[in-house]
Amino acid sequence: MEKSYEKVIEYVKHGIGSGEIQAGEKLLPERELAQKLEISRNSAREGLRILENMGVLESQQGAGNYVSGNFDEILAEMLSFMYILKKIDVDKITEFRSTLEWGAIETGVKQATEDQRRKMMSYLDNLERAETEEERVRWDKAIHYLLIEASGNFCMLSNYKALNKIMDEYIPKMRGKIIEGMHSEQFLSRAHRTLAEGFAEGNIEKAREGLKLHFHYIYQYL
């Protein structure tokens, strides 16, 4: 049986889904919401509190409740907690990361903007010029994040953002093991160059080859 406060959650969910309620928009006052949904004010207050705790709403003192404008960031944060609580290991991180990047590569390469293509080559240049491993990790992450971002797929991007929260620890270890196993960074660098150039040129096959090399080295040396 549906609890009264759940009517508030369903109302907001439906409103956002239908486009009737937009990000940043103010909701009805608590009293009017209770009347509209035919529930008590206490139930309306409880539903609003749950939505605020979920990050869907932002409460502004004296001004009311607004639909969050940065829910994607909140979702990424929630997902990252889930990954940590589930104790996702390196193999699972690699498998999920690979699935996301392979899922994004064709659309990302096809519809990347000119600005994104320029950024990709800039990130590659920064990666190859980096003097410390910390810098190289930063630009390594930027290259792969841009690939997902260019796909325009919100679900992929939210999950990748969440994964990035724990990849801060994972990527340095991964790079270290690969470079140690290769006795050189040359081959990993070649993978990134092939991927980045394919992306910048709009060459899907070349980008795929770079991504294939990248994950080949990961699986081989992890």
N, C-alpha and C. Protein backbone atom coordinates (compact mmCIF):
# COMPACT_ATOMS: atom_id res chain seq x y z
N MET A 1 0.84 -1.20 0.00
CA MET A 1 0.00 0.00 0.00
C MET A 1 0.88 1.25 0.00
N GLU A 2 0.57 2.20 -0.86
CA GLU A 2 1.37 3.42 -0.97
C GLU A 2 1.18 4.29 0.26
N LYS A 3 2.29 4.74 0.83
CA LYS A 3 2.23 5.65 1.96
C LYS A 3 2.01 7.06 1.43
N SER A 4 1.41 7.89 2.26
CA SER A 4 1.02 9.23 1.81
C SER A 4 2.21 10.04 1.31
N TYR A 5 3.35 9.98 2.01
CA TYR A 5 4.50 10.79 1.60
C TYR A 5 5.05 10.37 0.24
N GLU A 6 4.77 9.08 -0.14
CA GLU A 6 5.26 8.59 -1.43
C GLU A 6 4.56 9.30 -2.59
N LYS A 7 3.37 9.88 -2.32
CA LYS A 7 2.67 10.63 -3.36
C LYS A 7 3.47 11.86 -3.76
N VAL A 8 4.17 12.46 -2.81
CA VAL A 8 5.01 13.62 -3.10
C VAL A 8 6.16 13.22 -4.01
N ILE A 9 6.80 12.09 -3.68
CA ILE A 9 7.93 11.60 -4.47
C ILE A 9 7.48 11.28 -5.89
N GLU A 10 6.33 10.62 -6.02
CA GLU A 10 5.82 10.27 -7.35
C GLU A 10 5.42 11.53 -8.13
N TYR A 11 4.86 12.49 -7.43
CA TYR A 11 4.44 13.75 -8.07
C TYR A 11 5.65 14.46 -8.67
N VAL A 12 6.71 14.57 -7.89
CA VAL A 12 7.92 15.25 -8.37
C VAL A 12 8.58 14.44 -9.48
N LYS A 13 8.65 13.14 -9.30
CA LYS A 13 9.26 12.27 -10.32
C LYS A 13 8.52 12.38 -11.65
N HIS A 14 7.19 12.32 -11.58
CA HIS A 14 6.39 12.42 -12.79
C HIS A 14 6.55 13.79 -13.43
N GLY A 15 6.56 14.84 -12.59
CA GLY A 15 6.69 16.20 -13.10
C GLY A 15 7.99 16.43 -13.83
N ILE A 16 9.08 15.91 -13.27
CA ILE A 16 10.39 16.04 -13.91
C ILE A 16 10.42 15.22 -15.21
N GLY A 17 9.86 13.99 -15.12
CA GLY A 17 9.86 13.11 -16.30
C GLY A 17 9.05 13.67 -17.45
N SER A 18 7.95 14.34 -17.15
CA SER A 18 7.08 14.88 -18.19
C SER A 18 7.52 16.25 -18.67
N GLY A 19 8.44 16.86 -17.93
CA GLY A 19 8.90 18.19 -18.31
C GLY A 19 8.09 19.31 -17.68
N GLU A 20 7.08 18.94 -16.88
CA GLU A 20 6.26 19.96 -16.24
C GLU A 20 7.04 20.68 -15.13
N ILE A 21 8.00 19.97 -14.55
CA ILE A 21 8.85 20.56 -13.51
C ILE A 21 10.27 20.57 -14.04
N GLN A 22 10.91 21.72 -14.06
CA GLN A 22 12.25 21.87 -14.61
C GLN A 22 13.29 22.04 -13.50
N ALA A 23 14.53 21.72 -13.83
CA ALA A 23 15.63 21.94 -12.89
C ALA A 23 15.67 23.41 -12.50
N GLY A 24 15.81 23.67 -11.20
CA GLY A 24 15.87 25.04 -10.71
C GLY A 24 14.51 25.64 -10.40
N GLU A 25 13.43 24.90 -10.75
CA GLU A 25 12.08 25.44 -10.56
C GLU A 25 11.62 25.25 -9.11
N LYS A 26 10.86 26.22 -8.63
CA LYS A 26 10.32 26.16 -7.27
C LYS A 26 9.07 25.28 -7.25
N LEU A 27 8.97 24.42 -6.21
CA LEU A 27 7.79 23.58 -6.06
C LEU A 27 6.67 24.36 -5.37
N LEU A 28 5.48 23.79 -5.42
CA LEU A 28 4.36 24.37 -4.68
C LEU A 28 4.71 24.42 -3.19
N PRO A 29 4.21 25.41 -2.48
CA PRO A 29 4.41 25.43 -1.02
C PRO A 29 3.83 24.17 -0.39
N GLU A 30 4.36 23.81 0.75
CA GLU A 30 3.96 22.59 1.44
C GLU A 30 2.45 22.46 1.59
N ARG A 31 1.78 23.54 2.01
CA ARG A 31 0.33 23.50 2.23
C ARG A 31 -0.42 23.22 0.93
N GLU A 32 -0.03 23.92 -0.14
CA GLU A 32 -0.70 23.72 -1.44
C GLU A 32 -0.43 22.33 -1.99
N LEU A 33 0.79 21.84 -1.79
CA LEU A 33 1.14 20.49 -2.25
C LEU A 33 0.30 19.45 -1.54
N ALA A 34 0.10 19.63 -0.22
CA ALA A 34 -0.72 18.70 0.56
C ALA A 34 -2.16 18.69 0.05
N GLN A 35 -2.68 19.88 -0.24
CA GLN A 35 -4.05 19.97 -0.75
C GLN A 35 -4.17 19.32 -2.13
N LYS A 36 -3.21 19.59 -2.98
CA LYS A 36 -3.24 19.06 -4.35
C LYS A 36 -3.22 17.53 -4.36
N LEU A 37 -2.40 16.95 -3.46
CA LEU A 37 -2.23 15.50 -3.43
C LEU A 37 -3.18 14.82 -2.44
N GLU A 38 -3.97 15.65 -1.74
CA GLU A 38 -4.95 15.15 -0.76
C GLU A 38 -4.28 14.31 0.32
N ILE A 39 -3.24 14.89 0.89
CA ILE A 39 -2.52 14.25 2.00
C ILE A 39 -2.35 15.30 3.10
N SER A 40 -1.90 14.86 4.26
CA SER A 40 -1.68 15.79 5.36
C SER A 40 -0.42 16.60 5.12
N ARG A 41 -0.31 17.73 5.80
CA ARG A 41 0.90 18.55 5.67
C ARG A 41 2.12 17.80 6.21
N ASN A 42 1.92 17.00 7.24
CA ASN A 42 3.03 16.21 7.79
C ASN A 42 3.57 15.23 6.74
N SER A 43 2.65 14.61 5.99
CA SER A 43 3.07 13.68 4.94
C SER A 43 3.78 14.43 3.82
N ALA A 44 3.27 15.60 3.46
CA ALA A 44 3.93 16.42 2.43
C ALA A 44 5.32 16.82 2.88
N ARG A 45 5.42 17.21 4.15
CA ARG A 45 6.72 17.62 4.70
C ARG A 45 7.70 16.45 4.68
N GLU A 46 7.21 15.25 5.02
CA GLU A 46 8.06 14.06 5.03
C GLU A 46 8.56 13.72 3.62
N GLY A 47 7.66 13.82 2.65
CA GLY A 47 8.05 13.54 1.27
C GLY A 47 9.09 14.52 0.76
N LEU A 48 8.91 15.79 1.09
CA LEU A 48 9.87 16.82 0.68
C LEU A 48 11.22 16.61 1.36
N ARG A 49 11.18 16.20 2.63
CA ARG A 49 12.44 15.97 3.36
C ARG A 49 13.22 14.82 2.73
N ILE A 50 12.52 13.76 2.34
CA ILE A 50 13.18 12.61 1.71
C ILE A 50 13.80 13.03 0.38
N LEU A 51 13.07 13.80 -0.42
CA LEU A 51 13.60 14.27 -1.70
C LEU A 51 14.81 15.17 -1.52
N GLU A 52 14.78 15.98 -0.45
CA GLU A 52 15.94 16.82 -0.17
C GLU A 52 17.15 15.98 0.22
N ASN A 53 16.91 14.95 1.06
CA ASN A 53 18.01 14.07 1.47
C ASN A 53 18.58 13.29 0.29
N MET A 54 17.74 13.02 -0.69
CA MET A 54 18.18 12.32 -1.90
C MET A 54 18.96 13.24 -2.82
N GLY A 55 18.84 14.55 -2.57
CA GLY A 55 19.54 15.51 -3.43
C GLY A 55 18.70 16.00 -4.59
N VAL A 56 17.43 15.57 -4.65
CA VAL A 56 16.56 15.99 -5.74
C VAL A 56 16.11 17.43 -5.54
N LEU A 57 15.89 17.80 -4.28
CA LEU A 57 15.44 19.15 -3.96
C LEU A 57 16.49 19.90 -3.15
N GLU A 58 16.45 21.21 -3.29
CA GLU A 58 17.28 22.09 -2.47
C GLU A 58 16.34 23.02 -1.71
N SER A 59 16.47 23.02 -0.40
CA SER A 59 15.62 23.86 0.43
C SER A 59 16.32 25.18 0.71
N GLN A 60 15.65 26.29 0.41
CA GLN A 60 16.22 27.61 0.66
C GLN A 60 15.39 28.29 1.75
N GLN A 61 16.06 28.59 2.84
CA GLN A 61 15.39 29.16 4.01
C GLN A 61 14.52 30.36 3.64
N GLY A 62 13.23 30.23 3.93
CA GLY A 62 12.31 31.32 3.69
C GLY A 62 11.87 31.47 2.25
N ALA A 63 12.46 30.66 1.35
CA ALA A 63 12.13 30.81 -0.07
C ALA A 63 11.42 29.59 -0.65
N GLY A 64 11.50 28.45 0.03
CA GLY A 64 10.82 27.25 -0.45
C GLY A 64 11.78 26.17 -0.96
N ASN A 65 11.21 25.21 -1.68
CA ASN A 65 11.96 24.06 -2.20
C ASN A 65 12.11 24.15 -3.71
N TYR A 66 13.31 23.93 -4.18
CA TYR A 66 13.63 24.02 -5.61
C TYR A 66 14.21 22.69 -6.09
N VAL A 67 13.90 22.36 -7.34
CA VAL A 67 14.48 21.15 -7.95
C VAL A 67 15.97 21.41 -8.16
N SER A 68 16.78 20.48 -7.73
CA SER A 68 18.23 20.65 -7.81
C SER A 68 18.69 20.83 -9.25
N GLY A 69 19.61 21.77 -9.44
CA GLY A 69 20.15 22.01 -10.78
C GLY A 69 21.42 21.24 -11.06
N ASN A 70 21.94 20.54 -10.04
CA ASN A 70 23.18 19.78 -10.23
C ASN A 70 22.99 18.33 -9.78
N PHE A 71 21.83 17.78 -10.18
CA PHE A 71 21.52 16.43 -9.72
C PHE A 71 22.47 15.39 -10.28
N ASP A 72 23.05 15.66 -11.46
CA ASP A 72 23.99 14.69 -12.02
C ASP A 72 25.21 14.52 -11.11
N GLU A 73 25.66 15.62 -10.47
CA GLU A 73 26.79 15.53 -9.55
C GLU A 73 26.41 14.74 -8.31
N ILE A 74 25.18 14.97 -7.83
CA ILE A 74 24.70 14.26 -6.65
C ILE A 74 24.56 12.77 -6.96
N LEU A 75 24.03 12.46 -8.15
CA LEU A 75 23.88 11.07 -8.56
C LEU A 75 25.24 10.38 -8.62
N ALA A 76 26.23 11.07 -9.19
CA ALA A 76 27.57 10.50 -9.28
C ALA A 76 28.12 10.21 -7.88
N GLU A 77 27.87 11.13 -6.96
CA GLU A 77 28.35 10.95 -5.59
C GLU A 77 27.68 9.74 -4.95
N MET A 78 26.37 9.60 -5.16
CA MET A 78 25.62 8.46 -4.59
C MET A 78 26.12 7.14 -5.19
N LEU A 79 26.33 7.13 -6.50
CA LEU A 79 26.82 5.92 -7.15
C LEU A 79 28.21 5.55 -6.65
N SER A 80 29.06 6.55 -6.43
CA SER A 80 30.42 6.27 -5.96
C SER A 80 30.38 5.62 -4.58
N PHE A 81 29.44 6.07 -3.73
CA PHE A 81 29.28 5.44 -2.42
C PHE A 81 28.86 3.99 -2.57
N MET A 82 27.96 3.73 -3.53
CA MET A 82 27.51 2.37 -3.76
C MET A 82 28.67 1.47 -4.17
N TYR A 83 29.52 1.98 -5.10
CA TYR A 83 30.66 1.19 -5.54
C TYR A 83 31.61 0.87 -4.38
N ILE A 84 31.81 1.88 -3.51
CA ILE A 84 32.71 1.69 -2.37
C ILE A 84 32.11 0.69 -1.38
N LEU A 85 30.82 0.86 -1.08
CA LEU A 85 30.15 -0.02 -0.12
C LEU A 85 30.11 -1.46 -0.63
N LYS A 86 29.98 -1.62 -1.94
CA LYS A 86 29.97 -2.97 -2.53
C LYS A 86 31.38 -3.54 -2.66
N LYS A 87 32.37 -2.71 -2.27
CA LYS A 87 33.77 -3.13 -2.33
C LYS A 87 34.16 -3.63 -3.73
N ILE A 88 33.83 -2.83 -4.73
CA ILE A 88 34.16 -3.17 -6.10
C ILE A 88 35.68 -3.26 -6.26
N ASP A 89 36.17 -4.37 -6.83
CA ASP A 89 37.62 -4.57 -6.92
C ASP A 89 38.16 -4.11 -8.27
N VAL A 90 39.48 -4.19 -8.42
CA VAL A 90 40.14 -3.68 -9.62
C VAL A 90 39.62 -4.35 -10.89
N ASP A 91 39.39 -5.66 -10.85
CA ASP A 91 38.89 -6.36 -12.03
C ASP A 91 37.53 -5.84 -12.45
N LYS A 92 36.65 -5.63 -11.46
CA LYS A 92 35.30 -5.15 -11.76
C LYS A 92 35.34 -3.70 -12.25
N ILE A 93 36.21 -2.90 -11.67
CA ILE A 93 36.36 -1.51 -12.12
C ILE A 93 36.79 -1.49 -13.59
N THR A 94 37.80 -2.32 -13.90
CA THR A 94 38.32 -2.39 -15.27
C THR A 94 37.25 -2.86 -16.24
N GLU A 95 36.49 -3.89 -15.84
CA GLU A 95 35.45 -4.43 -16.71
C GLU A 95 34.36 -3.39 -16.97
N PHE A 96 33.92 -2.70 -15.92
CA PHE A 96 32.86 -1.70 -16.06
C PHE A 96 33.36 -0.50 -16.86
N ARG A 97 34.58 -0.07 -16.56
CA ARG A 97 35.17 1.05 -17.29
C ARG A 97 35.27 0.72 -18.78
N SER A 98 35.72 -0.48 -19.09
CA SER A 98 35.84 -0.91 -20.48
C SER A 98 34.48 -0.90 -21.18
N THR A 99 33.46 -1.41 -20.48
CA THR A 99 32.10 -1.45 -21.04
C THR A 99 31.60 -0.05 -21.37
N LEU A 100 31.83 0.90 -20.46
CA LEU A 100 31.38 2.27 -20.67
C LEU A 100 32.11 2.92 -21.86
N GLU A 101 33.43 2.75 -21.91
CA GLU A 101 34.21 3.41 -22.97
C GLU A 101 33.93 2.81 -24.34
N TRP A 102 33.78 1.49 -24.39
CA TRP A 102 33.45 0.87 -25.67
C TRP A 102 32.04 1.26 -26.11
N GLY A 103 31.13 1.43 -25.12
CA GLY A 103 29.77 1.84 -25.44
C GLY A 103 29.69 3.26 -25.95
N ALA A 104 30.65 4.09 -25.53
CA ALA A 104 30.61 5.52 -25.87
C ALA A 104 31.42 5.88 -27.10
N ILE A 105 32.35 5.03 -27.50
CA ILE A 105 33.35 5.46 -28.47
C ILE A 105 32.77 5.83 -29.84
N GLU A 106 31.86 5.04 -30.37
CA GLU A 106 31.36 5.34 -31.72
C GLU A 106 30.58 6.66 -31.73
N THR A 107 29.64 6.80 -30.79
CA THR A 107 28.85 8.04 -30.74
C THR A 107 29.73 9.23 -30.40
N GLY A 108 30.66 9.02 -29.45
CA GLY A 108 31.55 10.10 -29.04
C GLY A 108 32.39 10.63 -30.20
N VAL A 109 32.97 9.72 -30.97
CA VAL A 109 33.81 10.13 -32.09
C VAL A 109 32.97 10.79 -33.19
N LYS A 110 31.79 10.26 -33.42
CA LYS A 110 30.92 10.81 -34.49
C LYS A 110 30.44 12.22 -34.18
N GLN A 111 30.01 12.45 -32.94
CA GLN A 111 29.34 13.72 -32.66
C GLN A 111 30.17 14.69 -31.82
N ALA A 112 31.45 14.39 -31.64
CA ALA A 112 32.30 15.33 -30.90
C ALA A 112 32.32 16.68 -31.60
N THR A 113 32.30 17.74 -30.82
CA THR A 113 32.36 19.10 -31.38
C THR A 113 33.81 19.42 -31.75
N GLU A 114 33.98 20.46 -32.54
CA GLU A 114 35.34 20.88 -32.89
C GLU A 114 36.14 21.26 -31.65
N ASP A 115 35.45 21.88 -30.70
CA ASP A 115 36.12 22.25 -29.45
C ASP A 115 36.59 21.01 -28.70
N GLN A 116 35.76 19.97 -28.67
CA GLN A 116 36.13 18.73 -27.99
C GLN A 116 37.30 18.04 -28.71
N ARG A 117 37.32 18.11 -30.03
CA ARG A 117 38.42 17.51 -30.78
C ARG A 117 39.73 18.25 -30.49
N ARG A 118 39.65 19.58 -30.40
CA ARG A 118 40.84 20.36 -30.06
C ARG A 118 41.31 20.06 -28.63
N LYS A 119 40.33 19.93 -27.74
CA LYS A 119 40.67 19.61 -26.35
C LYS A 119 41.39 18.27 -26.26
N MET A 120 40.92 17.30 -27.02
CA MET A 120 41.52 15.96 -26.98
C MET A 120 42.99 16.03 -27.34
N MET A 121 43.33 16.76 -28.40
CA MET A 121 44.73 16.86 -28.81
C MET A 121 45.54 17.67 -27.79
N SER A 122 44.90 18.63 -27.16
CA SER A 122 45.56 19.40 -26.11
C SER A 122 45.87 18.50 -24.92
N TYR A 123 44.91 17.65 -24.55
CA TYR A 123 45.12 16.72 -23.43
C TYR A 123 46.25 15.74 -23.76
N LEU A 124 46.26 15.27 -25.01
CA LEU A 124 47.32 14.35 -25.42
C LEU A 124 48.69 15.03 -25.33
N ASP A 125 48.76 16.26 -25.81
CA ASP A 125 50.01 17.02 -25.77
C ASP A 125 50.47 17.21 -24.32
N ASN A 126 49.52 17.53 -23.44
CA ASN A 126 49.86 17.70 -22.03
C ASN A 126 50.33 16.38 -21.41
N LEU A 127 49.69 15.28 -21.81
CA LEU A 127 50.09 13.97 -21.31
C LEU A 127 51.52 13.64 -21.72
N GLU A 128 51.83 13.89 -22.99
CA GLU A 128 53.16 13.53 -23.50
C GLU A 128 54.25 14.47 -22.99
N ARG A 129 53.87 15.69 -22.62
CA ARG A 129 54.85 16.65 -22.11
C ARG A 129 55.00 16.60 -20.58
N ALA A 130 54.09 15.91 -19.92
CA ALA A 130 54.08 15.88 -18.46
C ALA A 130 55.42 15.39 -17.91
N GLU A 131 55.84 16.04 -16.84
CA GLU A 131 57.14 15.70 -16.26
C GLU A 131 57.02 14.81 -15.02
N THR A 132 55.82 14.72 -14.46
CA THR A 132 55.62 13.88 -13.29
C THR A 132 54.51 12.87 -13.56
N GLU A 133 54.53 11.78 -12.82
CA GLU A 133 53.49 10.77 -12.98
C GLU A 133 52.13 11.32 -12.53
N GLU A 134 52.14 12.20 -11.56
CA GLU A 134 50.89 12.81 -11.11
C GLU A 134 50.23 13.58 -12.25
N GLU A 135 51.02 14.32 -13.02
CA GLU A 135 50.49 15.06 -14.17
C GLU A 135 49.99 14.10 -15.24
N ARG A 136 50.75 13.03 -15.47
CA ARG A 136 50.36 12.06 -16.50
C ARG A 136 49.03 11.39 -16.14
N VAL A 137 48.83 11.08 -14.86
CA VAL A 137 47.56 10.49 -14.41
C VAL A 137 46.41 11.45 -14.68
N ARG A 138 46.64 12.73 -14.40
CA ARG A 138 45.60 13.75 -14.61
C ARG A 138 45.16 13.79 -16.07
N TRP A 139 46.13 13.83 -17.01
CA TRP A 139 45.76 13.95 -18.42
C TRP A 139 45.28 12.64 -19.01
N ASP A 140 45.76 11.53 -18.46
CA ASP A 140 45.24 10.21 -18.84
C ASP A 140 43.74 10.17 -18.56
N LYS A 141 43.35 10.56 -17.34
CA LYS A 141 41.93 10.58 -16.96
C LYS A 141 41.13 11.54 -17.84
N ALA A 142 41.71 12.69 -18.15
CA ALA A 142 41.00 13.70 -18.95
C ALA A 142 40.67 13.18 -20.34
N ILE A 143 41.58 12.44 -20.94
CA ILE A 143 41.37 11.87 -22.28
C ILE A 143 40.18 10.92 -22.27
N HIS A 144 40.15 10.03 -21.30
CA HIS A 144 39.09 9.03 -21.26
C HIS A 144 37.75 9.64 -20.84
N TYR A 145 37.79 10.64 -19.97
CA TYR A 145 36.56 11.31 -19.56
C TYR A 145 35.93 12.05 -20.74
N LEU A 146 36.77 12.69 -21.54
CA LEU A 146 36.27 13.44 -22.70
C LEU A 146 35.59 12.51 -23.70
N LEU A 147 36.10 11.31 -23.84
CA LEU A 147 35.50 10.32 -24.73
C LEU A 147 34.06 10.04 -24.30
N ILE A 148 33.85 9.83 -23.00
CA ILE A 148 32.51 9.57 -22.49
C ILE A 148 31.63 10.82 -22.62
N GLU A 149 32.19 11.97 -22.28
CA GLU A 149 31.44 13.23 -22.33
C GLU A 149 30.93 13.51 -23.74
N ALA A 150 31.76 13.24 -24.73
CA ALA A 150 31.38 13.54 -26.12
C ALA A 150 30.22 12.67 -26.60
N SER A 151 30.01 11.54 -25.96
CA SER A 151 28.90 10.66 -26.38
C SER A 151 27.55 11.31 -26.09
N GLY A 152 27.52 12.24 -25.12
CA GLY A 152 26.27 12.90 -24.77
C GLY A 152 25.30 12.01 -24.02
N ASN A 153 25.79 10.84 -23.57
CA ASN A 153 24.92 9.89 -22.86
C ASN A 153 24.98 10.17 -21.36
N PHE A 154 23.90 10.72 -20.82
CA PHE A 154 23.86 11.12 -19.41
C PHE A 154 24.10 9.95 -18.47
N CYS A 155 23.51 8.79 -18.79
CA CYS A 155 23.65 7.62 -17.91
C CYS A 155 25.11 7.17 -17.85
N MET A 156 25.75 7.11 -19.01
CA MET A 156 27.17 6.73 -19.05
C MET A 156 28.02 7.74 -18.29
N LEU A 157 27.74 9.02 -18.51
CA LEU A 157 28.55 10.07 -17.90
C LEU A 157 28.40 10.06 -16.38
N SER A 158 27.19 9.87 -15.87
CA SER A 158 26.97 9.83 -14.42
C SER A 158 27.72 8.66 -13.80
N ASN A 159 27.64 7.51 -14.46
CA ASN A 159 28.35 6.34 -13.93
C ASN A 159 29.86 6.52 -14.02
N TYR A 160 30.31 7.16 -15.10
CA TYR A 160 31.75 7.36 -15.25
C TYR A 160 32.27 8.36 -14.22
N LYS A 161 31.48 9.40 -13.94
CA LYS A 161 31.85 10.35 -12.90
C LYS A 161 31.98 9.64 -11.56
N ALA A 162 31.02 8.76 -11.28
CA ALA A 162 31.05 8.01 -10.02
C ALA A 162 32.27 7.10 -9.97
N LEU A 163 32.54 6.46 -11.10
CA LEU A 163 33.70 5.57 -11.17
C LEU A 163 34.99 6.35 -10.99
N ASN A 164 35.01 7.59 -11.48
CA ASN A 164 36.19 8.43 -11.35
C ASN A 164 36.55 8.70 -9.90
N LYS A 165 35.52 8.69 -9.03
CA LYS A 165 35.76 8.95 -7.61
C LYS A 165 36.69 7.89 -7.02
N ILE A 166 36.54 6.66 -7.50
CA ILE A 166 37.40 5.60 -6.96
C ILE A 166 38.58 5.31 -7.90
N MET A 167 38.50 5.81 -9.14
CA MET A 167 39.63 5.62 -10.05
C MET A 167 40.80 6.52 -9.69
N ASP A 168 40.57 7.53 -8.83
CA ASP A 168 41.67 8.36 -8.36
C ASP A 168 42.75 7.51 -7.72
N GLU A 169 42.32 6.45 -7.09
CA GLU A 169 43.28 5.52 -6.47
C GLU A 169 43.66 4.41 -7.44
N TYR A 170 42.71 4.00 -8.26
CA TYR A 170 42.91 2.88 -9.16
C TYR A 170 43.87 3.18 -10.31
N ILE A 171 43.73 4.36 -10.96
CA ILE A 171 44.53 4.66 -12.15
C ILE A 171 46.04 4.74 -11.86
N PRO A 172 46.47 5.44 -10.80
CA PRO A 172 47.92 5.46 -10.54
C PRO A 172 48.50 4.06 -10.35
N LYS A 173 47.77 3.20 -9.63
CA LYS A 173 48.25 1.83 -9.42
C LYS A 173 48.29 1.07 -10.74
N MET A 174 47.22 1.24 -11.56
CA MET A 174 47.14 0.56 -12.85
C MET A 174 48.29 0.98 -13.75
N ARG A 175 48.51 2.30 -13.86
CA ARG A 175 49.59 2.79 -14.72
C ARG A 175 50.94 2.27 -14.23
N GLY A 176 51.13 2.27 -12.92
CA GLY A 176 52.39 1.79 -12.36
C GLY A 176 52.66 0.34 -12.73
N LYS A 177 51.63 -0.50 -12.63
CA LYS A 177 51.80 -1.92 -12.95
C LYS A 177 52.08 -2.13 -14.44
N ILE A 178 51.37 -1.37 -15.28
CA ILE A 178 51.58 -1.50 -16.73
C ILE A 178 52.99 -1.08 -17.11
N ILE A 179 53.41 0.07 -16.62
CA ILE A 179 54.75 0.59 -16.96
C ILE A 179 55.84 -0.33 -16.43
N GLU A 180 55.62 -0.86 -15.22
CA GLU A 180 56.59 -1.80 -14.66
C GLU A 180 56.66 -3.07 -15.51
N GLY A 181 55.50 -3.56 -15.93
CA GLY A 181 55.46 -4.78 -16.74
C GLY A 181 56.08 -4.58 -18.11
N MET A 182 55.90 -3.40 -18.67
CA MET A 182 56.45 -3.10 -20.00
C MET A 182 57.90 -2.66 -19.94
N HIS A 183 58.34 -2.24 -18.75
CA HIS A 183 59.66 -1.62 -18.58
C HIS A 183 59.76 -0.32 -19.35
N SER A 184 58.59 0.23 -19.73
CA SER A 184 58.58 1.47 -20.52
C SER A 184 57.15 1.98 -20.59
N GLU A 185 57.01 3.29 -20.83
CA GLU A 185 55.68 3.87 -21.01
C GLU A 185 55.36 4.01 -22.49
N GLN A 186 56.26 3.56 -23.35
CA GLN A 186 56.15 3.79 -24.78
C GLN A 186 54.85 3.24 -25.36
N PHE A 187 54.49 1.99 -24.98
CA PHE A 187 53.33 1.35 -25.61
C PHE A 187 52.02 1.94 -25.09
N LEU A 188 51.98 2.28 -23.81
CA LEU A 188 50.80 2.92 -23.26
C LEU A 188 50.60 4.29 -23.91
N SER A 189 51.70 4.98 -24.12
CA SER A 189 51.66 6.29 -24.79
C SER A 189 51.14 6.15 -26.21
N ARG A 190 51.57 5.08 -26.90
CA ARG A 190 51.10 4.85 -28.27
C ARG A 190 49.59 4.61 -28.30
N ALA A 191 49.08 3.89 -27.31
CA ALA A 191 47.64 3.62 -27.23
C ALA A 191 46.87 4.92 -27.07
N HIS A 192 47.35 5.79 -26.18
CA HIS A 192 46.67 7.07 -25.98
C HIS A 192 46.75 7.95 -27.23
N ARG A 193 47.88 7.95 -27.90
CA ARG A 193 48.01 8.77 -29.11
C ARG A 193 47.06 8.27 -30.20
N THR A 194 46.99 6.97 -30.40
CA THR A 194 46.10 6.41 -31.42
C THR A 194 44.65 6.74 -31.11
N LEU A 195 44.26 6.58 -29.85
CA LEU A 195 42.89 6.88 -29.41
C LEU A 195 42.58 8.37 -29.62
N ALA A 196 43.47 9.24 -29.14
CA ALA A 196 43.23 10.68 -29.21
C ALA A 196 43.19 11.17 -30.66
N GLU A 197 44.12 10.70 -31.50
CA GLU A 197 44.13 11.12 -32.90
C GLU A 197 42.89 10.64 -33.63
N GLY A 198 42.47 9.40 -33.34
CA GLY A 198 41.26 8.88 -33.98
C GLY A 198 40.05 9.72 -33.60
N PHE A 199 39.98 10.09 -32.34
CA PHE A 199 38.88 10.94 -31.85
C PHE A 199 38.91 12.30 -32.56
N ALA A 200 40.08 12.92 -32.57
CA ALA A 200 40.22 14.27 -33.15
C ALA A 200 39.96 14.27 -34.66
N GLU A 201 40.31 13.19 -35.33
CA GLU A 201 40.14 13.10 -36.78
C GLU A 201 38.74 12.61 -37.18
N GLY A 202 37.96 12.16 -36.21
CA GLY A 202 36.66 11.59 -36.52
C GLY A 202 36.79 10.21 -37.13
N ASN A 203 37.92 9.55 -36.86
CA ASN A 203 38.21 8.23 -37.42
C ASN A 203 37.87 7.17 -36.37
N ILE A 204 36.70 6.58 -36.50
CA ILE A 204 36.22 5.64 -35.49
C ILE A 204 37.12 4.41 -35.38
N GLU A 205 37.54 3.87 -36.51
CA GLU A 205 38.38 2.66 -36.49
C GLU A 205 39.71 2.92 -35.78
N LYS A 206 40.29 4.07 -36.04
CA LYS A 206 41.56 4.41 -35.39
C LYS A 206 41.36 4.59 -33.89
N ALA A 207 40.29 5.26 -33.51
CA ALA A 207 40.00 5.45 -32.09
C ALA A 207 39.78 4.10 -31.41
N ARG A 208 39.06 3.21 -32.09
CA ARG A 208 38.82 1.87 -31.54
C ARG A 208 40.13 1.12 -31.36
N GLU A 209 41.03 1.26 -32.32
CA GLU A 209 42.32 0.58 -32.23
C GLU A 209 43.09 1.07 -31.01
N GLY A 210 43.04 2.38 -30.76
CA GLY A 210 43.72 2.93 -29.59
C GLY A 210 43.12 2.42 -28.30
N LEU A 211 41.78 2.36 -28.25
CA LEU A 211 41.11 1.87 -27.04
C LEU A 211 41.38 0.38 -26.83
N LYS A 212 41.41 -0.35 -27.94
CA LYS A 212 41.71 -1.79 -27.87
C LYS A 212 43.11 -2.02 -27.30
N LEU A 213 44.08 -1.26 -27.78
CA LEU A 213 45.45 -1.37 -27.27
C LEU A 213 45.51 -1.02 -25.80
N HIS A 214 44.81 0.04 -25.43
CA HIS A 214 44.81 0.51 -24.05
C HIS A 214 44.34 -0.59 -23.09
N PHE A 215 43.19 -1.18 -23.41
CA PHE A 215 42.66 -2.21 -22.51
C PHE A 215 43.42 -3.52 -22.64
N HIS A 216 44.04 -3.77 -23.78
CA HIS A 216 44.90 -4.94 -23.92
C HIS A 216 46.05 -4.87 -22.90
N TYR A 217 46.67 -3.69 -22.79
CA TYR A 217 47.77 -3.53 -21.85
C TYR A 217 47.29 -3.63 -20.42
N ILE A 218 46.10 -3.08 -20.15
CA ILE A 218 45.57 -3.17 -18.80
C ILE A 218 45.36 -4.63 -18.40
N TYR A 219 44.66 -5.38 -19.25
CA TYR A 219 44.39 -6.77 -18.92
C TYR A 219 45.66 -7.61 -18.88
N GLN A 220 46.62 -7.29 -19.73
CA GLN A 220 47.86 -8.06 -19.78
C GLN A 220 48.71 -7.87 -18.53
N TYR A 221 48.78 -6.62 -18.05
CA TYR A 221 49.71 -6.33 -16.96
C TYR A 221 49.06 -6.21 -15.59
N LEU A 222 47.73 -6.21 -15.53
CA LEU A 222 47.08 -6.26 -14.23
C LEU A 222 46.83 -7.69 -13.80
